[in-house]
Amino acid sequence: MVALGGRVVPVELKSGSAGAMKSLHQCMADKGLKLAVRVDSNPPSSMTVDVATTQGDRARYTLLSLPLYLLHRLAELVAG
């Protein structure tokens, strides 16, 4: 997690272009956060995630996906 502009934003780093995000989903459900960031090899994107965690909790949040080369602009992209 990183603190950006006075709020905490979970960041998940993936080594490839795919993979489950079970821990991120559970963190979002437990903390009630509305924004998370995934860093992977896919093009930049933003989507609404609405899933049930493996523990049966509902997680609904915005997922900002960024490739590694854009990570230095994270604070700017989250603020905008």
Protein backbone atom coordinates (compact mmCIF):
# COMPACT_ATOMS: atom_id res chain seq x y z
CA MET A 1 0.00 0.00 0.00
CA VAL A 2 1.09 3.55 -0.68
CA ALA A 3 -0.17 6.86 0.69
CA LEU A 4 -1.20 9.23 -2.08
CA GLY A 5 -2.71 12.61 -1.35
CA GLY A 6 -3.74 11.63 2.16
CA ARG A 7 -5.31 8.30 1.23
CA VAL A 8 -4.06 4.74 1.22
CA VAL A 9 -4.04 2.90 -2.11
CA PRO A 10 -3.18 -0.82 -2.34
CA VAL A 11 -0.72 -1.69 -5.12
CA GLU A 12 -0.31 -5.21 -6.49
CA LEU A 13 2.69 -6.02 -8.66
CA LYS A 14 2.30 -8.86 -11.15
CA SER A 15 5.23 -10.41 -13.01
CA GLY A 16 3.18 -11.19 -16.12
CA SER A 17 0.00 -10.09 -17.84
CA ALA A 18 -2.39 -12.36 -15.93
CA GLY A 19 -2.99 -13.78 -12.51
CA ALA A 20 -5.55 -13.99 -9.74
CA MET A 21 -5.81 -11.11 -7.29
CA LYS A 22 -7.34 -12.97 -4.35
CA SER A 23 -5.35 -11.08 -1.71
CA LEU A 24 -6.10 -7.71 -3.29
CA HIS A 25 -9.83 -8.49 -3.48
CA GLN A 26 -9.86 -9.51 0.19
CA CYS A 27 -7.90 -6.43 1.24
CA MET A 28 -10.34 -4.18 -0.62
CA ALA A 29 -13.32 -5.91 1.01
CA ASP A 30 -11.79 -5.80 4.50
CA LYS A 31 -10.70 -2.17 4.34
CA GLY A 32 -13.62 -0.83 2.29
CA LEU A 33 -11.29 1.01 -0.06
CA LYS A 34 -12.50 2.31 -3.44
CA LEU A 35 -9.28 2.38 -5.51
CA ALA A 36 -6.48 -0.13 -6.09
CA VAL A 37 -3.57 -0.25 -8.52
CA ARG A 38 -2.21 -3.27 -10.38
CA VAL A 39 1.20 -3.04 -12.03
CA ASP A 40 1.71 -5.59 -14.80
CA SER A 41 2.70 -5.92 -18.46
CA ASN A 42 -0.73 -4.99 -19.88
CA PRO A 43 -1.58 -1.61 -21.45
CA PRO A 44 -2.95 1.05 -19.07
CA SER A 45 -6.61 0.63 -18.18
CA SER A 46 -9.23 1.36 -15.56
CA MET A 47 -12.14 -0.88 -14.67
CA THR A 48 -14.72 -1.48 -11.98
CA VAL A 49 -14.18 -4.75 -10.12
CA ASP A 50 -17.17 -6.36 -8.44
CA VAL A 51 -16.33 -9.80 -7.06
CA ALA A 52 -16.97 -12.14 -4.17
CA THR A 53 -13.79 -12.99 -2.30
CA THR A 54 -12.81 -16.54 -1.39
CA GLN A 55 -14.22 -15.78 2.08
CA GLY A 56 -17.56 -14.72 0.61
CA ASP A 57 -17.16 -10.95 1.10
CA ARG A 58 -18.11 -8.52 -1.65
CA ALA A 59 -15.38 -6.31 -3.08
CA ARG A 60 -16.40 -3.46 -5.38
CA TYR A 61 -13.71 -0.97 -6.38
CA THR A 62 -11.93 0.76 -9.24
CA LEU A 63 -8.80 -1.00 -10.46
CA LEU A 64 -6.21 1.11 -12.23
CA SER A 65 -3.85 -1.12 -14.23
CA LEU A 66 -0.50 0.35 -15.17
CA PRO A 67 2.55 -1.01 -16.93
CA LEU A 68 5.81 -0.63 -15.02
CA TYR A 69 7.00 2.25 -17.21
CA LEU A 70 4.10 4.45 -15.95
CA LEU A 71 4.58 3.74 -12.25
CA HIS A 72 6.56 6.96 -11.75
CA ARG A 73 3.34 8.86 -12.62
CA LEU A 74 1.20 6.97 -10.09
CA ALA A 75 0.40 9.97 -7.84
CA GLU A 76 -0.57 12.08 -10.86
CA LEU A 77 -2.77 9.35 -12.39
CA VAL A 78 -4.54 8.58 -9.12
CA ALA A 79 -5.23 12.28 -8.46
CA GLY A 80 -6.62 12.92 -11.95
